[in-house]
Amino acid sequence: MDGKETILFARNGEKTILYLFSVNCDACSLNFSTWQNLSKTIKVKDDYINIIAISIDPIETTKKYLDKINIDFEIFSIQDINDITVNFRTLLTPQTILINEKRTVENVWLGVLNPYQIYSIIKRFS
């Protein structure tokens, strides 16, 4: 969140859990504690994983929102909304996206995660 451009998927050979959110999305707010707990669980099972979140909102709006919550995974804000709509073919939030070691989308979970979806995600790292 320092305003510098970053290549998110530069590390080959590692899975990535991507959380896509908007600060104005109530369902996203509900997912943050789940994402936080899920991230801690996954990191214990698999240390070779990238866990990142992308806000579809401007960086200043995202920074103000993040000042109110406690998150310990990397969060980025996109400069161009088309980066998300073109690369992921979506604009729906929240989304939890699993990207495999070959940088292809392995699975997508839409909306607020339910217990079955959380189990399904964790199981992929067992």
N, C-alpha and C. Protein backbone atom coordinates (compact mmCIF):
# COMPACT_ATOMS: atom_id res chain seq x y z
N MET A 1 0.82 -1.20 0.00
CA MET A 1 0.00 0.00 0.00
C MET A 1 0.87 1.26 0.00
N ASP A 2 2.07 1.14 -0.57
CA ASP A 2 2.95 2.29 -0.61
C ASP A 2 2.89 3.08 -1.92
N GLY A 3 2.00 2.67 -2.83
CA GLY A 3 1.85 3.36 -4.09
C GLY A 3 2.81 2.92 -5.17
N LYS A 4 3.69 1.96 -4.85
CA LYS A 4 4.64 1.47 -5.85
C LYS A 4 4.02 0.34 -6.66
N GLU A 5 4.40 0.26 -7.94
CA GLU A 5 3.90 -0.80 -8.80
C GLU A 5 4.56 -2.13 -8.41
N THR A 6 3.76 -3.19 -8.39
CA THR A 6 4.24 -4.50 -7.97
C THR A 6 3.76 -5.56 -8.95
N ILE A 7 4.62 -6.53 -9.23
CA ILE A 7 4.21 -7.69 -10.03
C ILE A 7 3.79 -8.76 -9.03
N LEU A 8 2.50 -9.08 -9.00
CA LEU A 8 1.97 -9.94 -7.97
C LEU A 8 2.33 -11.41 -8.12
N PHE A 9 2.44 -11.88 -9.34
CA PHE A 9 2.65 -13.31 -9.55
C PHE A 9 4.04 -13.59 -10.10
N ALA A 10 5.04 -12.93 -9.54
CA ALA A 10 6.40 -13.06 -10.04
C ALA A 10 7.06 -14.36 -9.59
N ARG A 11 6.61 -14.93 -8.48
CA ARG A 11 7.26 -16.13 -7.95
C ARG A 11 6.62 -17.38 -8.54
N ASN A 12 7.35 -18.05 -9.40
CA ASN A 12 6.88 -19.31 -9.99
C ASN A 12 6.98 -20.44 -8.98
N GLY A 13 6.17 -21.46 -9.15
CA GLY A 13 6.28 -22.65 -8.32
C GLY A 13 5.58 -22.56 -6.99
N GLU A 14 4.85 -21.48 -6.75
CA GLU A 14 4.12 -21.34 -5.50
C GLU A 14 2.64 -21.08 -5.79
N LYS A 15 1.79 -21.67 -4.97
CA LYS A 15 0.36 -21.37 -5.08
C LYS A 15 0.10 -19.98 -4.50
N THR A 16 -0.98 -19.38 -4.96
CA THR A 16 -1.38 -18.07 -4.46
C THR A 16 -2.85 -18.11 -4.09
N ILE A 17 -3.15 -17.64 -2.89
CA ILE A 17 -4.53 -17.38 -2.50
C ILE A 17 -4.72 -15.88 -2.67
N LEU A 18 -5.70 -15.53 -3.48
CA LEU A 18 -5.98 -14.13 -3.78
C LEU A 18 -7.37 -13.79 -3.25
N TYR A 19 -7.43 -12.76 -2.44
CA TYR A 19 -8.70 -12.26 -1.93
C TYR A 19 -9.02 -10.97 -2.67
N LEU A 20 -10.13 -10.94 -3.35
CA LEU A 20 -10.55 -9.77 -4.11
C LEU A 20 -11.69 -9.09 -3.35
N PHE A 21 -11.53 -7.80 -3.06
CA PHE A 21 -12.54 -7.12 -2.24
C PHE A 21 -12.71 -5.67 -2.63
N SER A 22 -13.77 -5.08 -2.08
CA SER A 22 -14.03 -3.65 -2.18
C SER A 22 -14.32 -3.14 -0.78
N VAL A 23 -13.86 -1.96 -0.48
CA VAL A 23 -14.09 -1.41 0.86
C VAL A 23 -15.56 -1.08 1.11
N ASN A 24 -16.34 -0.93 0.05
CA ASN A 24 -17.76 -0.60 0.18
C ASN A 24 -18.66 -1.83 0.14
N CYS A 25 -18.08 -2.99 0.21
CA CYS A 25 -18.81 -4.25 0.08
C CYS A 25 -19.02 -4.86 1.48
N ASP A 26 -20.27 -4.95 1.92
CA ASP A 26 -20.57 -5.51 3.24
C ASP A 26 -20.15 -6.98 3.34
N ALA A 27 -20.36 -7.73 2.27
CA ALA A 27 -19.96 -9.14 2.27
C ALA A 27 -18.44 -9.28 2.40
N CYS A 28 -17.71 -8.35 1.81
CA CYS A 28 -16.24 -8.36 1.94
C CYS A 28 -15.83 -8.15 3.39
N SER A 29 -16.49 -7.21 4.05
CA SER A 29 -16.21 -6.95 5.46
C SER A 29 -16.45 -8.19 6.30
N LEU A 30 -17.51 -8.93 5.97
CA LEU A 30 -17.79 -10.17 6.69
C LEU A 30 -16.71 -11.22 6.44
N ASN A 31 -16.09 -11.19 5.28
CA ASN A 31 -15.08 -12.20 4.93
C ASN A 31 -13.71 -11.94 5.55
N PHE A 32 -13.41 -10.73 5.97
CA PHE A 32 -12.06 -10.43 6.42
C PHE A 32 -11.59 -11.28 7.59
N SER A 33 -12.41 -11.49 8.59
CA SER A 33 -11.97 -12.33 9.71
C SER A 33 -11.78 -13.78 9.26
N THR A 34 -12.64 -14.25 8.35
CA THR A 34 -12.49 -15.59 7.80
C THR A 34 -11.21 -15.69 6.99
N TRP A 35 -10.94 -14.70 6.16
CA TRP A 35 -9.70 -14.69 5.36
C TRP A 35 -8.48 -14.67 6.27
N GLN A 36 -8.54 -13.90 7.34
CA GLN A 36 -7.42 -13.83 8.28
C GLN A 36 -7.15 -15.20 8.90
N ASN A 37 -8.19 -15.85 9.40
CA ASN A 37 -8.03 -17.18 10.02
C ASN A 37 -7.61 -18.22 8.99
N LEU A 38 -8.19 -18.17 7.82
CA LEU A 38 -7.84 -19.09 6.75
C LEU A 38 -6.37 -18.94 6.37
N SER A 39 -5.90 -17.72 6.27
CA SER A 39 -4.50 -17.47 5.92
C SER A 39 -3.55 -18.06 6.95
N LYS A 40 -3.87 -17.89 8.21
CA LYS A 40 -3.01 -18.46 9.28
C LYS A 40 -3.00 -19.98 9.19
N THR A 41 -4.14 -20.60 8.95
CA THR A 41 -4.23 -22.05 8.86
C THR A 41 -3.44 -22.58 7.67
N ILE A 42 -3.58 -21.92 6.54
CA ILE A 42 -2.89 -22.36 5.33
C ILE A 42 -1.38 -22.20 5.48
N LYS A 43 -0.93 -21.10 6.06
CA LYS A 43 0.51 -20.87 6.24
C LYS A 43 1.14 -21.96 7.10
N VAL A 44 0.40 -22.47 8.08
CA VAL A 44 0.92 -23.55 8.93
C VAL A 44 1.08 -24.83 8.10
N LYS A 45 0.15 -25.08 7.20
CA LYS A 45 0.17 -26.30 6.39
C LYS A 45 1.15 -26.21 5.21
N ASP A 46 1.35 -25.03 4.67
CA ASP A 46 2.14 -24.88 3.46
C ASP A 46 2.83 -23.52 3.48
N ASP A 47 4.13 -23.52 3.77
CA ASP A 47 4.87 -22.27 3.88
C ASP A 47 5.18 -21.66 2.51
N TYR A 48 5.03 -22.45 1.45
CA TYR A 48 5.33 -21.97 0.10
C TYR A 48 4.07 -21.53 -0.62
N ILE A 49 3.44 -20.54 -0.07
CA ILE A 49 2.22 -20.01 -0.67
C ILE A 49 2.19 -18.50 -0.51
N ASN A 50 1.72 -17.85 -1.53
CA ASN A 50 1.53 -16.40 -1.47
C ASN A 50 0.09 -16.15 -1.05
N ILE A 51 -0.09 -15.26 -0.11
CA ILE A 51 -1.44 -14.87 0.31
C ILE A 51 -1.52 -13.36 0.19
N ILE A 52 -2.40 -12.93 -0.73
CA ILE A 52 -2.52 -11.50 -0.99
C ILE A 52 -3.99 -11.13 -1.17
N ALA A 53 -4.26 -9.87 -0.95
CA ALA A 53 -5.60 -9.33 -1.19
C ALA A 53 -5.47 -8.15 -2.14
N ILE A 54 -6.47 -8.00 -2.99
CA ILE A 54 -6.49 -6.88 -3.92
C ILE A 54 -7.80 -6.12 -3.73
N SER A 55 -7.65 -4.83 -3.47
CA SER A 55 -8.79 -3.93 -3.38
C SER A 55 -9.06 -3.36 -4.77
N ILE A 56 -10.32 -3.30 -5.14
CA ILE A 56 -10.67 -2.70 -6.43
C ILE A 56 -10.90 -1.19 -6.28
N ASP A 57 -10.64 -0.69 -5.09
CA ASP A 57 -10.84 0.73 -4.79
C ASP A 57 -9.52 1.50 -4.89
N PRO A 58 -9.59 2.83 -5.02
CA PRO A 58 -8.36 3.64 -5.06
C PRO A 58 -7.52 3.43 -3.80
N ILE A 59 -6.23 3.66 -3.91
CA ILE A 59 -5.29 3.38 -2.83
C ILE A 59 -5.61 4.17 -1.55
N GLU A 60 -5.96 5.43 -1.68
CA GLU A 60 -6.25 6.24 -0.48
C GLU A 60 -7.49 5.74 0.24
N THR A 61 -8.51 5.37 -0.50
CA THR A 61 -9.73 4.81 0.09
C THR A 61 -9.42 3.50 0.80
N THR A 62 -8.62 2.68 0.16
CA THR A 62 -8.24 1.39 0.74
C THR A 62 -7.41 1.58 2.01
N LYS A 63 -6.47 2.51 2.00
CA LYS A 63 -5.64 2.78 3.18
C LYS A 63 -6.51 3.19 4.38
N LYS A 64 -7.46 4.08 4.15
CA LYS A 64 -8.35 4.52 5.24
C LYS A 64 -9.13 3.34 5.81
N TYR A 65 -9.59 2.47 4.95
CA TYR A 65 -10.34 1.29 5.39
C TYR A 65 -9.44 0.36 6.20
N LEU A 66 -8.22 0.13 5.73
CA LEU A 66 -7.31 -0.80 6.39
C LEU A 66 -6.84 -0.30 7.75
N ASP A 67 -6.87 1.03 7.95
CA ASP A 67 -6.51 1.58 9.25
C ASP A 67 -7.47 1.12 10.36
N LYS A 68 -8.67 0.68 9.96
CA LYS A 68 -9.69 0.28 10.92
C LYS A 68 -9.68 -1.22 11.24
N ILE A 69 -8.93 -2.00 10.46
CA ILE A 69 -8.92 -3.45 10.68
C ILE A 69 -7.48 -3.95 10.82
N ASN A 70 -7.33 -5.14 11.38
CA ASN A 70 -6.02 -5.73 11.59
C ASN A 70 -5.85 -6.95 10.67
N ILE A 71 -5.01 -6.81 9.66
CA ILE A 71 -4.78 -7.86 8.68
C ILE A 71 -3.28 -8.09 8.59
N ASP A 72 -2.86 -9.36 8.51
CA ASP A 72 -1.43 -9.63 8.43
C ASP A 72 -0.99 -10.28 7.11
N PHE A 73 -1.78 -10.11 6.06
CA PHE A 73 -1.33 -10.53 4.74
C PHE A 73 -1.22 -9.28 3.86
N GLU A 74 -0.49 -9.41 2.75
CA GLU A 74 -0.26 -8.27 1.88
C GLU A 74 -1.55 -7.84 1.18
N ILE A 75 -1.75 -6.52 1.10
CA ILE A 75 -2.92 -5.96 0.44
C ILE A 75 -2.46 -4.95 -0.59
N PHE A 76 -3.03 -5.05 -1.79
CA PHE A 76 -2.69 -4.17 -2.88
C PHE A 76 -3.97 -3.49 -3.38
N SER A 77 -3.79 -2.34 -4.00
CA SER A 77 -4.90 -1.63 -4.61
C SER A 77 -4.56 -1.49 -6.10
N ILE A 78 -5.52 -1.80 -6.95
CA ILE A 78 -5.24 -1.73 -8.38
C ILE A 78 -5.41 -0.31 -8.89
N GLN A 79 -4.63 0.03 -9.90
CA GLN A 79 -4.73 1.36 -10.49
C GLN A 79 -5.81 1.41 -11.57
N ASP A 80 -6.00 0.29 -12.25
CA ASP A 80 -6.93 0.25 -13.37
C ASP A 80 -7.87 -0.94 -13.18
N ILE A 81 -9.15 -0.67 -13.01
CA ILE A 81 -10.15 -1.71 -12.79
C ILE A 81 -10.16 -2.73 -13.93
N ASN A 82 -9.72 -2.32 -15.11
CA ASN A 82 -9.67 -3.24 -16.25
C ASN A 82 -8.68 -4.37 -16.02
N ASP A 83 -7.66 -4.14 -15.18
CA ASP A 83 -6.71 -5.22 -14.86
C ASP A 83 -7.44 -6.42 -14.26
N ILE A 84 -8.44 -6.17 -13.44
CA ILE A 84 -9.20 -7.25 -12.83
C ILE A 84 -10.22 -7.82 -13.81
N THR A 85 -10.94 -6.95 -14.49
CA THR A 85 -11.98 -7.45 -15.40
C THR A 85 -11.39 -8.22 -16.57
N VAL A 86 -10.22 -7.84 -17.04
CA VAL A 86 -9.59 -8.54 -18.16
C VAL A 86 -8.89 -9.81 -17.69
N ASN A 87 -8.06 -9.71 -16.66
CA ASN A 87 -7.28 -10.86 -16.22
C ASN A 87 -8.09 -11.93 -15.50
N PHE A 88 -9.11 -11.52 -14.75
CA PHE A 88 -9.91 -12.48 -13.99
C PHE A 88 -11.33 -12.60 -14.50
N ARG A 89 -11.68 -11.78 -15.49
CA ARG A 89 -13.01 -11.79 -16.11
C ARG A 89 -14.12 -11.63 -15.07
N THR A 90 -13.91 -10.73 -14.17
CA THR A 90 -14.89 -10.54 -13.11
C THR A 90 -14.76 -9.17 -12.48
N LEU A 91 -15.79 -8.79 -11.78
CA LEU A 91 -15.76 -7.59 -10.94
C LEU A 91 -16.52 -7.85 -9.65
N LEU A 92 -17.04 -9.04 -9.49
CA LEU A 92 -17.80 -9.41 -8.30
C LEU A 92 -16.88 -9.51 -7.09
N THR A 93 -17.31 -8.94 -5.97
CA THR A 93 -16.57 -9.09 -4.72
C THR A 93 -17.54 -9.52 -3.64
N PRO A 94 -17.09 -10.26 -2.64
CA PRO A 94 -15.74 -10.79 -2.47
C PRO A 94 -15.53 -12.07 -3.27
N GLN A 95 -14.27 -12.31 -3.56
CA GLN A 95 -13.87 -13.56 -4.19
C GLN A 95 -12.62 -14.08 -3.50
N THR A 96 -12.56 -15.39 -3.39
CA THR A 96 -11.37 -16.07 -2.91
C THR A 96 -10.91 -16.93 -4.08
N ILE A 97 -9.71 -16.67 -4.56
CA ILE A 97 -9.23 -17.30 -5.79
C ILE A 97 -7.96 -18.08 -5.48
N LEU A 98 -7.91 -19.33 -5.90
CA LEU A 98 -6.70 -20.15 -5.75
C LEU A 98 -6.01 -20.23 -7.11
N ILE A 99 -4.77 -19.76 -7.14
CA ILE A 99 -3.97 -19.79 -8.36
C ILE A 99 -2.87 -20.82 -8.14
N ASN A 100 -2.74 -21.77 -9.07
CA ASN A 100 -1.78 -22.85 -8.85
C ASN A 100 -0.35 -22.44 -9.22
N GLU A 101 0.55 -23.41 -9.09
CA GLU A 101 1.97 -23.15 -9.30
C GLU A 101 2.30 -22.71 -10.73
N LYS A 102 1.41 -23.02 -11.66
CA LYS A 102 1.63 -22.66 -13.06
C LYS A 102 0.96 -21.33 -13.41
N ARG A 103 0.47 -20.64 -12.39
CA ARG A 103 -0.18 -19.33 -12.52
C ARG A 103 -1.51 -19.39 -13.25
N THR A 104 -2.21 -20.49 -13.13
CA THR A 104 -3.56 -20.58 -13.68
C THR A 104 -4.55 -20.71 -12.52
N VAL A 105 -5.75 -20.22 -12.75
CA VAL A 105 -6.77 -20.26 -11.70
C VAL A 105 -7.22 -21.71 -11.53
N GLU A 106 -7.09 -22.19 -10.30
CA GLU A 106 -7.49 -23.56 -9.97
C GLU A 106 -8.93 -23.62 -9.47
N ASN A 107 -9.33 -22.61 -8.71
CA ASN A 107 -10.69 -22.58 -8.19
C ASN A 107 -11.04 -21.17 -7.74
N VAL A 108 -12.34 -20.87 -7.75
CA VAL A 108 -12.84 -19.57 -7.32
C VAL A 108 -14.04 -19.80 -6.41
N TRP A 109 -14.04 -19.11 -5.27
CA TRP A 109 -15.17 -19.16 -4.35
C TRP A 109 -15.74 -17.75 -4.29
N LEU A 110 -17.03 -17.62 -4.59
CA LEU A 110 -17.69 -16.31 -4.65
C LEU A 110 -18.44 -16.02 -3.36
N GLY A 111 -18.47 -14.77 -2.98
CA GLY A 111 -19.26 -14.34 -1.83
C GLY A 111 -18.63 -14.68 -0.49
N VAL A 112 -19.45 -14.58 0.53
CA VAL A 112 -19.00 -14.88 1.90
C VAL A 112 -18.75 -16.38 1.99
N LEU A 113 -17.57 -16.74 2.48
CA LEU A 113 -17.22 -18.16 2.56
C LEU A 113 -18.04 -18.86 3.63
N ASN A 114 -18.57 -20.03 3.28
CA ASN A 114 -19.29 -20.85 4.26
C ASN A 114 -18.36 -21.95 4.76
N PRO A 115 -18.75 -22.67 5.82
CA PRO A 115 -17.85 -23.70 6.39
C PRO A 115 -17.41 -24.76 5.38
N TYR A 116 -18.28 -25.17 4.47
CA TYR A 116 -17.89 -26.17 3.48
C TYR A 116 -16.79 -25.62 2.55
N GLN A 117 -16.93 -24.37 2.13
CA GLN A 117 -15.93 -23.77 1.26
C GLN A 117 -14.59 -23.61 1.99
N ILE A 118 -14.64 -23.22 3.24
CA ILE A 118 -13.41 -23.08 4.04
C ILE A 118 -12.71 -24.44 4.14
N TYR A 119 -13.48 -25.48 4.42
CA TYR A 119 -12.94 -26.85 4.49
C TYR A 119 -12.31 -27.23 3.14
N SER A 120 -12.99 -26.92 2.05
CA SER A 120 -12.51 -27.24 0.71
C SER A 120 -11.17 -26.55 0.42
N ILE A 121 -11.04 -25.32 0.83
CA ILE A 121 -9.78 -24.59 0.61
C ILE A 121 -8.66 -25.18 1.44
N ILE A 122 -8.92 -25.42 2.72
CA ILE A 122 -7.89 -25.98 3.61
C ILE A 122 -7.45 -27.35 3.12
N LYS A 123 -8.39 -28.15 2.66
CA LYS A 123 -8.09 -29.51 2.21
C LYS A 123 -7.09 -29.51 1.04
N ARG A 124 -7.10 -28.48 0.25
CA ARG A 124 -6.17 -28.39 -0.89
C ARG A 124 -4.72 -28.22 -0.44
N PHE A 125 -4.51 -27.94 0.84
CA PHE A 125 -3.17 -27.74 1.35
C PHE A 125 -2.75 -28.82 2.36
N SER A 126 -3.54 -29.86 2.45
CA SER A 126 -3.24 -30.96 3.39
C SER A 126 -2.26 -31.93 2.79
